[in-house]
N, C-alpha and C. Protein backbone atom coordinates (compact mmCIF):
# COMPACT_ATOMS: atom_id res chain seq x y z
N UNK A 1 0.80 -1.19 0.00
CA UNK A 1 0.00 0.00 0.00
C UNK A 1 0.85 1.26 0.00
N UNK A 2 2.08 1.13 -0.34
CA UNK A 2 2.98 2.28 -0.39
C UNK A 2 2.71 3.05 -1.68
N UNK A 3 2.27 4.31 -1.57
CA UNK A 3 1.98 5.05 -2.80
C UNK A 3 3.25 5.49 -3.51
N UNK A 4 3.12 5.70 -4.78
CA UNK A 4 4.21 6.25 -5.57
C UNK A 4 4.41 7.70 -5.17
N UNK A 5 5.63 8.19 -5.14
CA UNK A 5 5.90 9.57 -4.76
C UNK A 5 5.41 10.58 -5.78
N UNK A 6 5.37 10.19 -7.04
CA UNK A 6 4.99 11.14 -8.10
C UNK A 6 3.56 11.64 -7.95
N UNK A 7 2.55 10.76 -7.86
CA UNK A 7 1.20 11.29 -7.71
C UNK A 7 1.01 12.08 -6.41
N UNK A 8 1.73 11.72 -5.38
CA UNK A 8 1.55 12.38 -4.09
C UNK A 8 2.09 13.81 -4.11
N UNK A 9 3.09 14.09 -4.89
CA UNK A 9 3.70 15.41 -4.84
C UNK A 9 3.32 16.30 -6.02
N UNK A 10 2.95 15.73 -7.13
CA UNK A 10 2.70 16.51 -8.33
C UNK A 10 1.56 17.50 -8.23
N UNK A 11 0.54 17.22 -7.48
CA UNK A 11 -0.62 18.10 -7.44
C UNK A 11 -0.66 18.99 -6.22
N UNK A 12 0.28 18.88 -5.31
CA UNK A 12 0.25 19.67 -4.08
C UNK A 12 0.21 21.17 -4.32
N UNK A 13 0.65 21.61 -5.47
CA UNK A 13 0.59 23.05 -5.77
C UNK A 13 -0.85 23.53 -5.89
N UNK A 14 -1.81 22.60 -6.04
CA UNK A 14 -3.23 22.95 -6.14
C UNK A 14 -3.96 22.77 -4.81
N UNK A 15 -3.22 22.65 -3.73
CA UNK A 15 -3.79 22.35 -2.42
C UNK A 15 -4.85 23.37 -1.99
N UNK A 16 -4.77 24.59 -2.46
CA UNK A 16 -5.77 25.61 -2.08
C UNK A 16 -7.14 25.30 -2.67
N UNK A 17 -7.19 24.56 -3.77
CA UNK A 17 -8.47 24.28 -4.43
C UNK A 17 -8.86 22.81 -4.42
N UNK A 18 -7.92 21.93 -4.14
CA UNK A 18 -8.20 20.49 -4.10
C UNK A 18 -7.89 19.96 -2.70
N UNK A 19 -8.55 18.89 -2.35
CA UNK A 19 -8.21 18.23 -1.09
C UNK A 19 -7.72 16.83 -1.40
N UNK A 20 -6.93 16.30 -0.51
CA UNK A 20 -6.30 15.00 -0.73
C UNK A 20 -6.81 14.01 0.31
N UNK A 21 -7.48 12.97 -0.17
CA UNK A 21 -8.05 11.96 0.71
C UNK A 21 -7.39 10.61 0.45
N UNK A 22 -7.13 9.89 1.52
CA UNK A 22 -6.56 8.54 1.40
C UNK A 22 -7.68 7.53 1.31
N UNK A 23 -7.53 6.55 0.45
CA UNK A 23 -8.50 5.46 0.34
C UNK A 23 -7.95 4.28 1.12
N UNK A 24 -8.72 3.84 2.12
CA UNK A 24 -8.30 2.68 2.92
C UNK A 24 -9.46 1.69 2.99
N UNK A 25 -9.13 0.44 3.27
CA UNK A 25 -10.14 -0.60 3.46
C UNK A 25 -10.39 -0.73 4.96
N UNK A 26 -11.41 -0.07 5.49
CA UNK A 26 -11.62 -0.07 6.93
C UNK A 26 -11.97 -1.43 7.49
N UNK A 27 -12.39 -2.35 6.63
CA UNK A 27 -12.76 -3.68 7.08
C UNK A 27 -11.54 -4.53 7.38
N UNK A 28 -10.35 -3.99 7.14
CA UNK A 28 -9.10 -4.69 7.46
C UNK A 28 -8.67 -4.44 8.90
N UNK A 29 -9.49 -3.79 9.69
CA UNK A 29 -9.24 -3.64 11.12
C UNK A 29 -8.03 -2.78 11.45
N UNK A 30 -7.17 -3.30 12.32
CA UNK A 30 -6.00 -2.54 12.79
C UNK A 30 -5.04 -2.19 11.66
N UNK A 31 -4.93 -3.07 10.67
CA UNK A 31 -4.06 -2.79 9.53
C UNK A 31 -4.54 -1.53 8.80
N UNK A 32 -5.85 -1.41 8.63
CA UNK A 32 -6.41 -0.22 7.98
C UNK A 32 -6.20 1.02 8.84
N UNK A 33 -6.31 0.86 10.15
CA UNK A 33 -6.10 2.00 11.05
C UNK A 33 -4.66 2.49 10.95
N UNK A 34 -3.72 1.58 10.87
CA UNK A 34 -2.31 1.97 10.72
C UNK A 34 -2.08 2.68 9.39
N UNK A 35 -2.73 2.22 8.33
CA UNK A 35 -2.60 2.87 7.02
C UNK A 35 -3.24 4.26 7.05
N UNK A 36 -4.38 4.38 7.71
CA UNK A 36 -5.03 5.69 7.85
C UNK A 36 -4.12 6.64 8.62
N UNK A 37 -3.54 6.16 9.68
CA UNK A 37 -2.61 6.97 10.48
C UNK A 37 -1.43 7.44 9.64
N UNK A 38 -0.87 6.54 8.86
CA UNK A 38 0.28 6.88 8.00
C UNK A 38 -0.13 7.93 6.97
N UNK A 39 -1.30 7.74 6.38
CA UNK A 39 -1.78 8.68 5.35
C UNK A 39 -1.99 10.08 5.92
N UNK A 40 -2.57 10.13 7.11
CA UNK A 40 -2.90 11.43 7.71
C UNK A 40 -1.67 12.09 8.32
N UNK A 41 -0.94 11.34 9.13
CA UNK A 41 0.18 11.93 9.88
C UNK A 41 1.45 12.03 9.02
N UNK A 42 1.85 10.90 8.43
CA UNK A 42 3.13 10.89 7.70
C UNK A 42 3.03 11.57 6.34
N UNK A 43 1.93 11.31 5.60
CA UNK A 43 1.80 11.87 4.26
C UNK A 43 1.06 13.21 4.25
N UNK A 44 0.42 13.55 5.36
CA UNK A 44 -0.26 14.83 5.46
C UNK A 44 -1.56 14.93 4.67
N UNK A 45 -2.19 13.79 4.40
CA UNK A 45 -3.45 13.83 3.65
C UNK A 45 -4.57 14.36 4.53
N UNK A 46 -5.59 14.92 3.92
CA UNK A 46 -6.62 15.68 4.63
C UNK A 46 -7.78 14.86 5.17
N UNK A 47 -7.91 13.61 4.78
CA UNK A 47 -9.04 12.81 5.23
C UNK A 47 -9.01 11.43 4.60
N UNK A 48 -10.13 10.71 4.76
CA UNK A 48 -10.21 9.32 4.31
C UNK A 48 -11.43 9.11 3.42
N UNK A 49 -11.31 8.11 2.53
CA UNK A 49 -12.44 7.60 1.76
C UNK A 49 -12.54 6.13 2.11
N UNK A 50 -13.73 5.71 2.53
CA UNK A 50 -13.94 4.29 2.85
C UNK A 50 -15.23 3.82 2.18
N UNK A 51 -15.31 2.52 1.90
CA UNK A 51 -16.52 1.95 1.34
C UNK A 51 -17.54 1.73 2.46
N UNK A 52 -18.82 1.80 2.11
CA UNK A 52 -19.87 1.60 3.10
C UNK A 52 -20.09 0.13 3.42
N UNK A 53 -19.67 -0.75 2.53
CA UNK A 53 -19.78 -2.19 2.81
C UNK A 53 -18.76 -2.94 1.97
N UNK A 54 -18.44 -4.13 2.45
CA UNK A 54 -17.51 -4.98 1.72
C UNK A 54 -17.60 -6.39 2.30
N UNK A 55 -17.65 -7.36 1.42
CA UNK A 55 -17.63 -8.75 1.86
C UNK A 55 -18.73 -9.12 2.83
N UNK A 56 -19.91 -8.55 2.66
CA UNK A 56 -21.03 -8.86 3.55
C UNK A 56 -21.01 -8.10 4.87
N UNK A 57 -20.06 -7.21 5.03
CA UNK A 57 -19.97 -6.41 6.25
C UNK A 57 -20.36 -4.97 5.93
N UNK A 58 -20.88 -4.29 6.94
CA UNK A 58 -21.27 -2.90 6.79
C UNK A 58 -20.42 -2.03 7.69
N UNK A 59 -20.56 -0.74 7.54
CA UNK A 59 -19.72 0.22 8.25
C UNK A 59 -19.85 0.11 9.77
N UNK A 60 -20.93 -0.48 10.26
CA UNK A 60 -21.10 -0.67 11.70
C UNK A 60 -20.30 -1.86 12.23
N UNK A 61 -19.64 -2.60 11.36
CA UNK A 61 -18.85 -3.76 11.78
C UNK A 61 -17.74 -3.31 12.72
N UNK A 62 -17.48 -4.04 13.79
CA UNK A 62 -16.43 -3.66 14.74
C UNK A 62 -15.04 -3.49 14.12
N UNK A 63 -14.78 -4.15 13.01
CA UNK A 63 -13.47 -4.03 12.35
C UNK A 63 -13.22 -2.61 11.84
N UNK A 64 -14.28 -1.86 11.57
CA UNK A 64 -14.17 -0.51 11.02
C UNK A 64 -13.80 0.51 12.11
N UNK A 65 -14.14 0.22 13.35
CA UNK A 65 -13.96 1.17 14.44
C UNK A 65 -12.55 1.74 14.56
N UNK A 66 -11.48 0.93 14.48
CA UNK A 66 -10.14 1.51 14.62
C UNK A 66 -9.83 2.60 13.59
N UNK A 67 -10.28 2.41 12.36
CA UNK A 67 -10.05 3.42 11.32
C UNK A 67 -10.82 4.69 11.63
N UNK A 68 -12.07 4.54 12.04
CA UNK A 68 -12.88 5.71 12.39
C UNK A 68 -12.31 6.44 13.61
N UNK A 69 -11.74 5.69 14.54
CA UNK A 69 -11.12 6.31 15.71
C UNK A 69 -9.91 7.15 15.32
N UNK A 70 -9.12 6.68 14.36
CA UNK A 70 -7.98 7.46 13.87
C UNK A 70 -8.49 8.78 13.27
N UNK A 71 -9.51 8.70 12.45
CA UNK A 71 -10.05 9.91 11.82
C UNK A 71 -10.61 10.87 12.87
N UNK A 72 -11.29 10.33 13.85
CA UNK A 72 -11.86 11.19 14.90
C UNK A 72 -10.76 11.84 15.72
N UNK A 73 -9.76 11.07 16.08
CA UNK A 73 -8.66 11.61 16.88
C UNK A 73 -7.92 12.72 16.14
N UNK A 74 -7.71 12.50 14.83
CA UNK A 74 -6.97 13.49 14.03
C UNK A 74 -7.89 14.56 13.43
N UNK A 75 -9.19 14.46 13.73
CA UNK A 75 -10.18 15.45 13.30
C UNK A 75 -10.16 15.69 11.79
N UNK A 76 -10.20 14.58 11.04
CA UNK A 76 -10.25 14.68 9.58
C UNK A 76 -11.58 14.12 9.09
N UNK A 77 -12.05 14.58 7.95
CA UNK A 77 -13.32 14.08 7.41
C UNK A 77 -13.17 12.67 6.85
N UNK A 78 -14.28 11.95 6.86
CA UNK A 78 -14.35 10.62 6.27
C UNK A 78 -15.48 10.63 5.25
N UNK A 79 -15.14 10.40 4.00
CA UNK A 79 -16.14 10.27 2.95
C UNK A 79 -16.49 8.80 2.85
N UNK A 80 -17.75 8.46 3.12
CA UNK A 80 -18.19 7.07 3.03
C UNK A 80 -18.78 6.87 1.65
N UNK A 81 -18.07 6.09 0.85
CA UNK A 81 -18.47 5.85 -0.53
C UNK A 81 -19.55 4.78 -0.57
N UNK A 82 -20.71 5.11 -1.13
CA UNK A 82 -21.77 4.10 -1.21
C UNK A 82 -21.42 3.03 -2.23
N UNK A 83 -21.66 1.81 -1.86
CA UNK A 83 -21.43 0.69 -2.77
C UNK A 83 -22.69 -0.14 -2.84
N UNK A 84 -22.95 -0.68 -4.01
CA UNK A 84 -24.12 -1.56 -4.17
C UNK A 84 -23.83 -2.86 -3.45
N UNK A 85 -24.60 -3.15 -2.47
CA UNK A 85 -24.44 -4.38 -1.69
C UNK A 85 -25.56 -5.34 -2.09
N UNK A 86 -25.28 -6.65 -2.09
CA UNK A 86 -26.32 -7.61 -2.47
C UNK A 86 -27.59 -7.48 -1.63
N UNK A 87 -27.48 -7.03 -0.38
CA UNK A 87 -28.64 -6.89 0.49
C UNK A 87 -29.20 -5.47 0.50
N UNK A 88 -28.75 -4.63 -0.40
CA UNK A 88 -29.15 -3.23 -0.37
C UNK A 88 -30.66 -3.06 -0.46
N UNK A 89 -31.33 -3.84 -1.30
CA UNK A 89 -32.78 -3.69 -1.44
C UNK A 89 -33.50 -3.98 -0.13
N UNK A 90 -33.09 -5.02 0.58
CA UNK A 90 -33.70 -5.35 1.87
C UNK A 90 -33.43 -4.25 2.88
N UNK A 91 -32.24 -3.68 2.83
CA UNK A 91 -31.92 -2.61 3.77
C UNK A 91 -32.74 -1.36 3.49
N UNK A 92 -32.93 -1.06 2.22
CA UNK A 92 -33.70 0.13 1.84
C UNK A 92 -35.15 -0.02 2.30
N UNK A 93 -35.70 -1.22 2.20
CA UNK A 93 -37.07 -1.45 2.62
C UNK A 93 -37.21 -1.51 4.14
N UNK A 94 -36.10 -1.71 4.82
CA UNK A 94 -36.13 -1.86 6.28
C UNK A 94 -35.78 -0.58 7.01
N UNK A 95 -35.09 -0.71 8.14
CA UNK A 95 -34.81 0.45 8.99
C UNK A 95 -33.89 1.49 8.35
N UNK A 96 -33.19 1.15 7.31
CA UNK A 96 -32.26 2.10 6.71
C UNK A 96 -32.99 3.20 5.95
N UNK A 97 -34.29 3.09 5.74
CA UNK A 97 -35.00 4.11 4.97
C UNK A 97 -34.87 5.47 5.63
N UNK A 98 -34.84 5.53 6.95
CA UNK A 98 -34.66 6.82 7.65
C UNK A 98 -33.34 7.47 7.28
N UNK A 99 -32.28 6.67 7.25
CA UNK A 99 -30.96 7.20 6.90
C UNK A 99 -30.94 7.67 5.46
N UNK A 100 -31.58 6.96 4.59
CA UNK A 100 -31.61 7.34 3.18
C UNK A 100 -32.36 8.66 3.02
N UNK A 101 -33.45 8.81 3.72
CA UNK A 101 -34.22 10.05 3.63
C UNK A 101 -33.44 11.23 4.15
N UNK A 102 -32.51 10.97 5.06
CA UNK A 102 -31.66 12.03 5.60
C UNK A 102 -30.43 12.28 4.73
N UNK A 103 -30.27 11.53 3.66
CA UNK A 103 -29.15 11.76 2.75
C UNK A 103 -27.97 10.85 2.98
N UNK A 104 -28.05 9.92 3.91
CA UNK A 104 -26.95 9.00 4.14
C UNK A 104 -27.01 7.90 3.08
N UNK A 105 -25.87 7.31 2.81
CA UNK A 105 -25.81 6.24 1.81
C UNK A 105 -25.53 4.92 2.46
N UNK A 106 -25.90 3.84 1.78
CA UNK A 106 -25.58 2.49 2.27
C UNK A 106 -24.15 2.18 2.02
């Protein structure tokens, strides 16, 4: 997961108009939290992008907590990317409808 130096440095001159977010797999637990920490602290990135579900797990899965704790501690935004999950239709018909009406994504 070591990024190439070229993409990381080439656009920094546009930092006033662009933001830089690290993409991590939060479902990887502590490994993802360490990568998030490296991206935020060592590389100076401004926040995280994570998927809302993966492999039958959702963002409420305990494995995601360490990554979210890193973001909270470092006070950076987390963009939760909506992904089509096989159970999405059941979730939409169920309790998740409130979240969808409020603009949250699955």
